[in-house]
Amino acid sequence: MLRSNFIRQFVRFQSTAKSTPAAKGTAVMFMNMGGPSTIPETYDFLYRLFADADLIPFGRFQNFIAKVIAKRRTPKIESHYREIGGGSPIRKWSEYQAAKVCEKLDSVSPATAPHKPYVAFRYANPLTEDTYQQMLKDGVTRAVAFSQYPQFSYSTSGSSINDLYRVSKRIDPDRQIEWSVIDRWPKNDGLTTAFANHIKDSLTKFPQEVRDKVVLLFSAHSLPMEIVNRGDSYPAEVAATVYAVMEKLNFSNPYRLVWQSQVGPKPWLGGQTATITKKLVDEVDDSQAPGAVIIPIAFTSDHIETLHEIDIELKEELGAPHKMVRCESLNDDPDFIDGLVDLVKTHLEKNEPYSKQLPLDHVLGSVIATDVFNHPSELFGKKK
């Protein structure tokens, strides 16, 4: 009798264990724009980028215009990637960050372990669909889509979420995977602490007697004004990150938020990083601005915008390039990694499928987007 009771209890325990999300663990998928890891991937990357109406809306001729622009820009962009080592390092850093986060989560969040890392890029390999297919093969049933754009924009974070939705409808219509999303984290402590520490390191490259007058230029990827004018939250959230970093620095230096990487003739957010930097470095008296530190505040790792656009192109345009220092990117910074771990751990503990802002982001942002959900609950949370 005792033996049979034990067997029944053991079987019941095994059945219950298999039915809980923790039994199969939790997948954590890092979502980002991506970049071509090798030179031959450049055209495909550019075409996908310019074909994405969520990012750069061209209207009814989107795909045709994307092909023309990609073909025209590919040789130049290929040369830029050659100058920074033969490709973008963003995949390397994303895979490293995702792996470290999951490794630490196994220790601090055993209830949701094991945690398995994945990377999904919008425009480069590994593409969202390829990563999703791999997750299905791996038997994943619970996953967190972790946007690696700290500040939300419908054109970046929203585009990656739309892509995930379209892929899920196509290859996972029965919702084998239960998704939730971390869609923004502009004031995360690990993020702002890492930036503050890197800024302090950058300031040591200037003479101590002028260090507190060096201007801090927080540079973020710009955004077309037609997207901003829809009510996109990106400018406000980037500004929130900047202010949180300056609080950690006790407002030690003068600072400004500037914008880089404008594409095409339409109006974009300004002032532009290059214009402001040139003014401060080449035109303003040293007693007012003895130098400038450029901080890539909306990027979580090195890529072409930091390694080429700032480190090479901008420096070549300056008359006094020695007065400009680019703050090191976050890459493998341990404070940054710990901040990501805390984000996922807190997200899993709260058991909230998405932020309260996301439905409003969709209402305001999905003006021209096609094949998107009517509400985030169609993708995130338990299947109804």
Protein backbone atom coordinates (compact mmCIF):
# COMPACT_ATOMS: atom_id res chain seq x y z
CA MET A 1 0.00 0.00 0.00
CA LEU A 2 2.79 2.45 0.95
CA ARG A 3 4.65 1.60 -2.22
CA SER A 4 1.59 2.14 -4.46
CA ASN A 5 0.81 5.48 -2.74
CA PHE A 6 4.39 6.60 -3.31
CA ILE A 7 4.19 5.66 -6.98
CA ARG A 8 0.92 7.58 -7.43
CA GLN A 9 2.36 10.67 -5.72
CA PHE A 10 5.54 10.47 -7.80
CA VAL A 11 3.57 10.19 -11.03
CA ARG A 12 1.36 13.13 -10.00
CA PHE A 13 4.47 15.21 -9.21
CA GLN A 14 6.05 14.39 -12.54
CA SER A 15 2.87 15.32 -14.40
CA THR A 16 2.58 18.63 -12.56
CA ALA A 17 6.25 19.47 -13.13
CA LYS A 18 5.93 18.93 -16.85
CA SER A 19 2.92 21.24 -17.05
CA THR A 20 4.60 24.25 -15.43
CA PRO A 21 6.46 26.85 -17.52
CA ALA A 22 9.59 26.34 -15.39
CA ALA A 23 9.81 22.67 -16.44
CA LYS A 24 10.94 23.73 -19.93
CA GLY A 25 12.49 26.95 -18.76
CA THR A 26 12.34 30.33 -20.40
CA ALA A 27 13.74 31.55 -23.68
CA VAL A 28 15.06 35.13 -23.82
CA MET A 29 15.17 36.56 -27.33
CA PHE A 30 17.23 39.71 -27.85
CA MET A 31 15.62 41.78 -30.62
CA ASN A 32 17.55 44.43 -32.51
CA MET A 33 18.02 46.02 -35.91
CA GLY A 34 21.19 44.02 -36.55
CA GLY A 35 23.95 44.59 -39.07
CA PRO A 36 25.77 42.60 -41.75
CA SER A 37 28.35 40.37 -40.07
CA THR A 38 30.17 39.95 -43.40
CA ILE A 39 30.60 42.20 -46.43
CA PRO A 40 28.44 40.07 -48.81
CA GLU A 41 25.43 40.51 -46.49
CA THR A 42 25.40 44.30 -46.94
CA TYR A 43 22.96 44.59 -49.88
CA ASP A 44 20.37 42.31 -48.27
CA PHE A 45 20.66 44.24 -45.03
CA LEU A 46 20.15 47.60 -46.75
CA TYR A 47 17.26 46.35 -48.85
CA ARG A 48 15.39 44.97 -45.82
CA LEU A 49 16.01 48.22 -43.94
CA PHE A 50 14.71 50.54 -46.66
CA ALA A 51 11.83 48.18 -47.48
CA ASP A 52 10.54 48.50 -43.92
CA ALA A 53 7.75 51.10 -43.98
CA ASP A 54 7.59 51.01 -40.17
CA LEU A 55 11.07 52.57 -40.15
CA ILE A 56 11.25 54.74 -43.27
CA PRO A 57 7.90 55.15 -45.01
CA PHE A 58 8.20 55.69 -48.78
CA GLY A 59 4.59 54.98 -49.71
CA ARG A 60 3.22 52.68 -52.41
CA PHE A 61 6.59 52.30 -54.17
CA GLN A 62 8.39 51.22 -50.98
CA ASN A 63 9.97 48.02 -52.34
CA PHE A 64 11.06 49.57 -55.64
CA ILE A 65 12.62 52.56 -53.91
CA ALA A 66 14.29 50.23 -51.40
CA LYS A 67 15.96 48.26 -54.21
CA VAL A 68 17.21 51.43 -55.87
CA ILE A 69 18.60 52.92 -52.66
CA ALA A 70 20.16 49.64 -51.53
CA LYS A 71 21.88 49.10 -54.89
CA ARG A 72 23.17 52.66 -54.94
CA ARG A 73 24.42 52.65 -51.33
CA THR A 74 25.87 49.14 -51.13
CA PRO A 75 29.38 49.88 -52.52
CA LYS A 76 29.88 52.80 -50.13
CA ILE A 77 28.55 50.95 -47.09
CA GLU A 78 30.63 47.88 -47.96
CA SER A 79 33.73 50.09 -47.91
CA HIS A 80 32.73 51.39 -44.47
CA TYR A 81 32.40 47.87 -43.12
CA ARG A 82 35.82 47.00 -44.53
CA GLU A 83 37.28 49.95 -42.62
CA ILE A 84 35.87 48.68 -39.31
CA GLY A 85 37.06 45.11 -39.68
CA GLY A 86 34.94 43.45 -42.37
CA GLY A 87 31.46 43.58 -40.89
CA SER A 88 29.29 44.70 -38.01
CA PRO A 89 30.15 43.42 -34.50
CA ILE A 90 26.54 43.73 -33.32
CA ARG A 91 25.79 40.01 -33.70
CA LYS A 92 28.87 39.09 -31.68
CA TRP A 93 27.92 41.47 -28.88
CA SER A 94 24.23 40.54 -28.92
CA GLU A 95 25.00 36.84 -28.65
CA TYR A 96 27.49 37.51 -25.86
CA GLN A 97 25.04 39.70 -23.93
CA ALA A 98 22.16 37.26 -24.32
CA ALA A 99 24.30 34.33 -23.18
CA LYS A 100 25.62 36.18 -20.11
CA VAL A 101 22.13 37.34 -19.14
CA CYS A 102 20.72 33.80 -19.29
CA GLU A 103 23.69 32.40 -17.40
CA LYS A 104 23.11 34.85 -14.55
CA LEU A 105 19.34 34.39 -14.64
CA ASP A 106 19.76 30.69 -13.94
CA SER A 107 21.26 31.70 -10.57
CA VAL A 108 19.01 34.62 -9.59
CA SER A 109 15.72 33.29 -11.01
CA PRO A 110 15.74 29.50 -10.53
CA ALA A 111 11.93 29.34 -10.70
CA THR A 112 12.04 30.23 -14.42
CA ALA A 113 15.25 28.34 -15.26
CA PRO A 114 16.81 27.11 -17.41
CA HIS A 115 17.06 30.25 -19.48
CA LYS A 116 18.05 29.86 -23.11
CA PRO A 117 19.45 32.78 -25.14
CA TYR A 118 18.38 33.70 -28.68
CA VAL A 119 19.06 36.66 -30.96
CA ALA A 120 16.65 37.92 -33.63
CA PHE A 121 17.51 40.76 -36.00
CA ARG A 122 15.10 42.80 -38.08
CA TYR A 123 17.31 43.28 -41.14
CA ALA A 124 20.30 40.92 -40.80
CA ASN A 125 21.09 37.34 -39.87
CA PRO A 126 19.82 35.77 -37.71
CA LEU A 127 16.44 37.01 -38.94
CA THR A 128 13.36 36.81 -36.72
CA GLU A 129 11.84 33.95 -38.70
CA ASP A 130 15.02 31.84 -38.55
CA THR A 131 15.30 32.35 -34.80
CA TYR A 132 11.61 31.57 -34.27
CA GLN A 133 11.97 28.34 -36.28
CA GLN A 134 14.91 27.32 -34.11
CA MET A 135 12.94 28.02 -30.95
CA LEU A 136 10.11 25.79 -32.16
CA LYS A 137 12.62 23.02 -32.94
CA ASP A 138 14.08 23.45 -29.45
CA GLY A 139 10.64 22.92 -27.93
CA VAL A 140 10.37 26.39 -26.40
CA THR A 141 6.96 27.08 -24.84
CA ARG A 142 7.67 30.31 -22.89
CA ALA A 143 9.69 33.22 -24.24
CA VAL A 144 10.48 36.83 -23.48
CA ALA A 145 10.96 39.13 -26.47
CA PHE A 146 13.57 41.54 -25.09
CA SER A 147 13.87 44.72 -27.17
CA GLN A 148 17.46 45.94 -27.25
CA TYR A 149 16.32 49.44 -28.12
CA PRO A 150 16.25 50.92 -24.59
CA GLN A 151 13.98 53.75 -25.74
CA PHE A 152 10.82 52.79 -27.58
CA SER A 153 10.04 53.98 -31.09
CA TYR A 154 7.36 52.51 -33.30
CA SER A 155 9.92 52.61 -36.12
CA THR A 156 12.43 50.37 -34.31
CA SER A 157 10.99 48.52 -31.31
CA GLY A 158 7.55 48.56 -32.91
CA SER A 159 8.90 47.29 -36.21
CA SER A 160 10.63 44.34 -34.50
CA ILE A 161 7.43 43.54 -32.59
CA ASN A 162 5.39 43.72 -35.81
CA ASP A 163 7.87 41.37 -37.46
CA LEU A 164 7.55 38.92 -34.58
CA TYR A 165 3.75 39.05 -34.87
CA ARG A 166 3.77 38.38 -38.61
CA VAL A 167 6.20 35.49 -38.22
CA SER A 168 4.22 33.97 -35.35
CA LYS A 169 1.02 34.00 -37.41
CA ARG A 170 2.78 32.26 -40.26
CA ILE A 171 4.82 29.57 -38.51
CA ASP A 172 3.26 29.26 -35.05
CA PRO A 173 -0.51 29.77 -35.57
CA ASP A 174 -1.37 27.48 -32.65
CA ARG A 175 0.83 29.53 -30.31
CA GLN A 176 3.19 26.81 -29.11
CA ILE A 177 5.22 29.67 -27.64
CA GLU A 178 3.67 31.94 -25.03
CA TRP A 179 5.28 35.37 -25.48
CA SER A 180 5.72 38.42 -23.32
CA VAL A 181 7.79 41.49 -24.17
CA ILE A 182 10.14 43.97 -22.51
CA ASP A 183 9.40 46.86 -24.85
CA ARG A 184 11.34 49.74 -23.20
CA TRP A 185 13.77 50.43 -20.37
CA PRO A 186 15.11 54.01 -20.73
CA LYS A 187 15.97 54.51 -17.04
CA ASN A 188 17.27 51.06 -16.18
CA ASP A 189 19.87 51.38 -13.42
CA GLY A 190 22.44 49.14 -15.08
CA LEU A 191 22.12 51.06 -18.34
CA THR A 192 22.51 54.49 -16.77
CA THR A 193 25.26 53.41 -14.35
CA ALA A 194 27.32 51.92 -17.16
CA PHE A 195 26.98 55.07 -19.25
CA ALA A 196 27.89 57.29 -16.30
CA ASN A 197 31.03 55.26 -15.59
CA HIS A 198 32.09 55.29 -19.24
CA ILE A 199 31.61 59.06 -19.37
CA LYS A 200 33.83 59.48 -16.31
CA ASP A 201 36.52 57.40 -18.03
CA SER A 202 36.21 59.55 -21.17
CA LEU A 203 36.60 62.77 -19.20
CA THR A 204 39.97 61.61 -17.82
CA LYS A 205 41.36 62.05 -21.35
CA PHE A 206 41.10 65.82 -20.91
CA PRO A 207 43.34 67.95 -18.64
CA GLN A 208 41.97 68.03 -15.11
CA GLU A 209 41.79 71.84 -14.99
CA VAL A 210 39.27 71.98 -17.88
CA ARG A 211 37.50 68.67 -17.36
CA ASP A 212 34.32 70.11 -15.84
CA LYS A 213 33.82 72.38 -18.88
CA VAL A 214 33.94 69.60 -21.45
CA VAL A 215 30.53 69.32 -23.15
CA LEU A 216 28.76 65.97 -23.04
CA LEU A 217 26.93 65.31 -26.32
CA PHE A 218 24.45 62.46 -26.00
CA SER A 219 23.98 61.21 -29.55
CA ALA A 220 21.00 59.09 -30.58
CA HIS A 221 19.88 57.83 -33.98
CA SER A 222 17.59 60.46 -35.47
CA LEU A 223 14.00 59.89 -36.52
CA PRO A 224 11.85 61.33 -39.35
CA MET A 225 9.65 64.15 -38.09
CA GLU A 226 6.55 62.57 -39.63
CA ILE A 227 7.01 59.70 -37.15
CA VAL A 228 7.70 62.08 -34.26
CA ASN A 229 4.58 64.07 -35.12
CA ARG A 230 2.39 61.00 -34.73
CA GLY A 231 3.20 61.03 -31.03
CA ASP A 232 6.14 58.62 -31.02
CA SER A 233 7.61 58.25 -27.54
CA TYR A 234 11.25 57.97 -28.67
CA PRO A 235 12.42 61.60 -28.19
CA ALA A 236 10.99 61.76 -24.66
CA GLU A 237 12.43 58.39 -23.66
CA VAL A 238 15.90 59.21 -25.02
CA ALA A 239 15.76 62.46 -23.06
CA ALA A 240 14.76 60.47 -19.96
CA THR A 241 17.87 58.30 -20.33
CA VAL A 242 20.07 61.36 -20.73
CA TYR A 243 18.64 63.01 -17.62
CA ALA A 244 19.00 59.83 -15.55
CA VAL A 245 22.67 59.55 -16.57
CA MET A 246 23.29 63.20 -15.71
CA GLU A 247 21.69 62.66 -12.30
CA LYS A 248 24.25 59.91 -11.66
CA LEU A 249 26.98 62.36 -12.67
CA ASN A 250 25.54 65.05 -10.38
CA PHE A 251 25.24 67.27 -13.47
CA SER A 252 29.00 67.65 -13.48
CA ASN A 253 29.22 69.02 -17.03
CA PRO A 254 27.23 71.00 -19.59
CA TYR A 255 25.36 68.63 -21.89
CA ARG A 256 23.06 68.38 -24.88
CA LEU A 257 21.05 65.70 -26.68
CA VAL A 258 21.90 65.54 -30.40
CA TRP A 259 20.84 63.29 -33.28
CA GLN A 260 22.79 61.37 -35.93
CA SER A 261 22.34 59.21 -39.05
CA GLN A 262 19.73 61.19 -40.95
CA VAL A 263 18.84 59.57 -44.30
CA GLY A 264 17.13 61.29 -47.25
CA PRO A 265 15.76 64.79 -47.83
CA LYS A 266 12.78 64.75 -45.45
CA PRO A 267 12.91 66.61 -42.10
CA TRP A 268 14.42 64.61 -39.22
CA LEU A 269 15.07 65.29 -35.56
CA GLY A 270 17.91 67.75 -34.96
CA GLY A 271 20.30 69.35 -34.12
CA GLN A 272 22.61 67.00 -35.85
CA THR A 273 25.53 65.44 -34.01
CA ALA A 274 28.09 66.46 -36.63
CA THR A 275 26.91 70.09 -36.81
CA ILE A 276 26.90 70.63 -33.03
CA THR A 277 30.23 68.84 -32.55
CA LYS A 278 31.95 70.93 -35.23
CA LYS A 279 30.67 74.14 -33.65
CA LEU A 280 31.90 73.20 -30.17
CA VAL A 281 35.23 71.74 -31.25
CA ASP A 282 36.24 74.05 -34.11
CA GLU A 283 34.43 77.35 -33.54
CA VAL A 284 33.89 77.92 -29.81
CA ASP A 285 36.69 79.29 -27.64
CA ASP A 286 38.43 76.73 -25.42
CA SER A 287 37.46 78.67 -22.31
CA GLN A 288 33.82 77.94 -23.11
CA ALA A 289 34.15 74.43 -24.55
CA PRO A 290 37.58 72.82 -24.26
CA GLY A 291 36.29 69.62 -25.83
CA ALA A 292 33.36 67.28 -26.34
CA VAL A 293 32.53 63.71 -25.38
CA ILE A 294 30.15 61.91 -27.75
CA ILE A 295 27.95 59.37 -25.93
CA PRO A 296 26.00 56.87 -28.12
CA ILE A 297 23.06 56.91 -25.73
CA ALA A 298 20.54 54.88 -27.76
CA PHE A 299 22.89 52.04 -28.73
CA THR A 300 23.73 49.02 -26.57
CA SER A 301 26.88 47.94 -28.43
CA ASP A 302 29.33 49.03 -31.10
CA HIS A 303 28.21 49.07 -34.71
CA ILE A 304 28.72 51.16 -37.85
CA GLU A 305 27.22 54.33 -36.33
CA THR A 306 29.85 54.36 -33.57
CA LEU A 307 32.86 52.73 -35.22
CA HIS A 308 32.61 54.53 -38.57
CA GLU A 309 30.18 57.44 -38.45
CA ILE A 310 31.66 58.89 -35.24
CA ASP A 311 35.16 57.40 -34.93
CA ILE A 312 36.15 57.89 -38.58
CA GLU A 313 33.78 60.19 -40.53
CA LEU A 314 33.14 62.79 -37.84
CA LYS A 315 36.78 62.95 -36.74
CA GLU A 316 37.88 63.49 -40.35
CA GLU A 317 35.52 66.47 -40.61
CA LEU A 318 36.88 68.20 -37.51
CA GLY A 319 39.64 70.76 -37.57
CA ALA A 320 40.67 69.79 -34.01
CA PRO A 321 39.82 66.08 -33.76
CA HIS A 322 41.91 65.71 -30.59
CA LYS A 323 39.23 67.71 -28.75
CA MET A 324 36.56 65.08 -29.43
CA VAL A 325 36.38 61.77 -27.52
CA ARG A 326 33.83 59.07 -28.18
CA CYS A 327 32.56 57.37 -25.02
CA GLU A 328 33.08 53.59 -25.11
CA SER A 329 29.99 51.56 -25.96
CA LEU A 330 28.39 49.24 -23.40
CA ASN A 331 29.34 45.94 -25.09
CA ASP A 332 30.45 43.61 -22.25
CA ASP A 333 30.16 46.09 -19.37
CA PRO A 334 29.26 44.09 -16.22
CA ASP A 335 26.99 46.82 -14.80
CA PHE A 336 25.07 46.85 -18.07
CA ILE A 337 24.75 43.05 -18.10
CA ASP A 338 23.50 43.10 -14.49
CA GLY A 339 20.92 45.71 -15.49
CA LEU A 340 19.63 43.44 -18.25
CA VAL A 341 19.43 40.52 -15.83
CA ASP A 342 17.41 42.60 -13.39
CA LEU A 343 15.06 43.69 -16.17
CA VAL A 344 14.23 40.13 -17.20
CA LYS A 345 13.99 38.87 -13.61
CA THR A 346 11.59 41.68 -12.63
CA HIS A 347 9.57 41.18 -15.81
CA LEU A 348 9.12 37.47 -15.08
CA GLU A 349 8.19 38.13 -11.45
CA LYS A 350 5.55 40.70 -12.40
CA ASN A 351 4.14 38.34 -15.03
CA GLU A 352 3.01 41.29 -17.16
CA PRO A 353 2.87 40.48 -20.88
CA TYR A 354 3.73 44.04 -22.01
CA SER A 355 3.98 47.60 -20.69
CA LYS A 356 0.97 49.85 -20.28
CA GLN A 357 2.42 52.12 -22.96
CA LEU A 358 2.45 49.52 -25.74
CA PRO A 359 -1.26 49.65 -26.67
CA LEU A 360 -1.02 53.44 -27.04
CA ASP A 361 2.19 53.10 -29.07
CA HIS A 362 0.27 50.88 -31.47
CA VAL A 363 -2.71 53.23 -31.73
CA LEU A 364 -0.50 56.22 -32.55
CA GLY A 365 2.19 54.48 -34.55
CA SER A 366 0.46 51.96 -36.78
CA VAL A 367 -0.91 54.55 -39.19
CA ILE A 368 0.62 53.01 -42.32
CA ALA A 369 1.77 49.64 -41.01
CA THR A 370 0.09 46.59 -42.54
CA ASP A 371 -0.65 43.13 -41.16
CA VAL A 372 -0.24 44.13 -37.53
CA PHE A 373 -2.24 43.27 -34.43
CA ASN A 374 -5.17 45.36 -33.24
CA HIS A 375 -3.96 45.01 -29.66
CA PRO A 376 -0.74 43.60 -28.12
CA SER A 377 -2.74 40.89 -26.33
CA GLU A 378 -3.09 39.15 -29.71
CA LEU A 379 0.59 38.21 -29.44
CA PHE A 380 1.66 38.65 -25.83
CA GLY A 381 0.26 36.72 -22.88
CA LYS A 382 -1.57 33.43 -22.63
CA LYS A 383 -3.52 32.30 -25.66
CA LYS A 384 -7.21 33.10 -25.26
